[in-house]
C-alpha atoms as a PDB file:
ATOM      1  CA  MET A   1      -0.081  -0.056   0.270  1.00  0.00           C
ATOM      2  CA  THR A   2       1.347   3.215  -0.703  1.00  0.00           C
ATOM      3  CA  GLU A   3       0.895   7.030   1.040  1.00  0.00           C
ATOM      4  CA  ALA A   4      -0.728   9.420   0.119  1.00  0.00           C
ATOM      5  CA  ARG A   5       1.479  12.462  -0.684  1.00  0.00           C
ATOM      6  CA  ARG A   6       1.674  15.413   1.773  1.00  0.00           C
ATOM      7  CA  ARG A   7       1.494  18.999   0.321  1.00  0.00           C
ATOM      8  CA  VAL A   8       4.718  20.884   2.096  1.00  0.00           C
ATOM      9  CA  VAL A   9       4.212  24.656   1.993  1.00  0.00           C
ATOM     10  CA  VAL A  10       7.385  26.590   3.276  1.00  0.00           C
ATOM     11  CA  THR A  11       6.458  30.460   3.936  1.00  0.00           C
ATOM     12  CA  ASP A  12       8.539  33.622   3.922  1.00  0.00           C
ATOM     13  CA  GLU A  13       7.705  34.657   7.478  1.00  0.00           C
ATOM     14  CA  GLY A  14       6.040  32.416   9.930  1.00  0.00           C
ATOM     15  CA  PRO A  15       5.297  28.248   9.866  1.00  0.00           C
ATOM     16  CA  ILE A  16       6.227  25.238   7.847  1.00  0.00           C
ATOM     17  CA  LEU A  17       2.330  24.032   6.376  1.00  0.00           C
ATOM     18  CA  VAL A  18       1.837  19.992   6.469  1.00  0.00           C
ATOM     19  CA  TYR A  19      -1.704  19.304   4.814  1.00  0.00           C
ATOM     20  CA  GLY A  20      -3.285  15.977   5.589  1.00  0.00           C
ATOM     21  CA  PRO A  21      -2.010  14.017   8.802  1.00  0.00           C
ATOM     22  CA  VAL A  22       1.526  13.699   9.730  1.00  0.00           C
ATOM     23  CA  ASP A  23       3.954  11.880  11.819  1.00  0.00           C
ATOM     24  CA  VAL A  24       7.399  14.165  13.087  1.00  0.00           C
ATOM     25  CA  GLU A  25      10.339  12.534  14.253  1.00  0.00           C
ATOM     26  CA  MET A  26      11.742  14.368  16.761  1.00  0.00           C
ATOM     27  CA  PRO A  27      15.900  14.532  17.047  1.00  0.00           C
ATOM     28  CA  ASP A  28      16.025  12.060  19.874  1.00  0.00           C
ATOM     29  CA  GLY A  29      13.926   9.650  17.964  1.00  0.00           C
ATOM     30  CA  THR A  30      10.469   9.506  19.318  1.00  0.00           C
ATOM     31  CA  ARG A  31       7.344  10.552  16.910  1.00  0.00           C
ATOM     32  CA  VAL A  32       4.705  12.966  17.555  1.00  0.00           C
ATOM     33  CA  ARG A  33       1.605  12.707  15.514  1.00  0.00           C
ATOM     34  CA  SER A  34      -1.287  15.119  14.151  1.00  0.00           C
ATOM     35  CA  ASP A  35      -4.232  14.472  12.866  1.00  0.00           C
ATOM     36  CA  ARG A  36      -5.375  18.333  11.805  1.00  0.00           C
ATOM     37  CA  VAL A  37      -5.883  18.972   8.279  1.00  0.00           C
ATOM     38  CA  VAL A  38      -3.340  21.539   8.031  1.00  0.00           C
ATOM     39  CA  THR A  39      -0.471  21.156  10.294  1.00  0.00           C
ATOM     40  CA  ALA A  40       1.946  24.262  11.025  1.00  0.00           C
ATOM     41  CA  LEU A  41       5.757  23.771  11.861  1.00  0.00           C
ATOM     42  CA  CYS A  42       7.728  26.008  13.995  1.00  0.00           C
ATOM     43  CA  ALA A  43      10.607  26.751  11.626  1.00  0.00           C
ATOM     44  CA  CYS A  44      11.673  29.707  13.990  1.00  0.00           C
ATOM     45  CA  GLY A  45      12.906  27.568  17.005  1.00  0.00           C
ATOM     46  CA  ARG A  46      10.741  29.908  19.591  1.00  0.00           C
ATOM     47  CA  SER A  47       7.584  27.799  19.756  1.00  0.00           C
ATOM     48  CA  ARG A  48       6.810  26.411  23.804  1.00  0.00           C
ATOM     49  CA  HIS A  49       4.986  23.688  21.460  1.00  0.00           C
ATOM     50  CA  ARG A  50       7.767  22.407  19.288  1.00  0.00           C
ATOM     51  CA  PRO A  51       7.347  21.064  16.786  1.00  0.00           C
ATOM     52  CA  PHE A  52       4.239  23.098  16.328  1.00  0.00           C
ATOM     53  CA  CYS A  53       3.723  26.188  16.215  1.00  0.00           C
ATOM     54  CA  ASP A  54       2.458  28.833  18.856  1.00  0.00           C
ATOM     55  CA  THR A  55       2.800  31.996  16.795  1.00  0.00           C
ATOM     56  CA  SER A  56       5.649  33.287  18.615  1.00  0.00           C
ATOM     57  CA  HIS A  57       7.457  34.221  15.379  1.00  0.00           C
ATOM     58  CA  ARG A  58       4.687  36.984  15.134  1.00  0.00           C
ATOM     59  CA  ARG A  59       6.688  38.864  17.926  1.00  0.00           C
ATOM     60  CA  ARG A  60       9.840  39.787  15.810  1.00  0.00           C
ATOM     61  CA  VAL A  61       9.719  42.855  14.169  1.00  0.00           C
ATOM     62  CA  ARG A  62      11.421  44.302  11.231  1.00  0.00           C
ATOM     63  CA  ASP A  63      13.658  47.478  11.319  1.00  0.00           C
ATOM     64  CA  ASP A  64      14.001  49.321   8.494  1.00  0.00           C
ATOM     65  CA  GLY A  65      16.925  47.693   6.947  1.00  0.00           C
ATOM     66  CA  GLY A  66      14.757  44.124   7.060  1.00  0.00           C
ATOM     67  CA  LYS A  67      16.536  42.645  10.131  1.00  0.00           C
ATOM     68  CA  GLU A  68      14.436  40.705  12.233  1.00  0.00           C
ATOM     69  CA  HIS A  69      14.884  41.900  16.132  1.00  0.00           C
ATOM     70  CA  ASP A  70      12.550  41.510  19.263  1.00  0.00           C
ATOM     71  CA  PRO A  71      10.357  44.740  20.249  1.00  0.00           C
END
């Protein structure tokens, strides 16, 4: 049996979006399951619920030169 392909969208200023149920393997080998229609994976490293995004990236602001920093 073959698994259905998942659509993965890498966003410019936020999480990685995975469409469809997904199992995420953590660095220590444990697996975390999400049965959501769309799962947002943390790409910034700031989430308290890693590997899932908790919108912590929204606290980052850009200055005039396009550099990000904490408010």
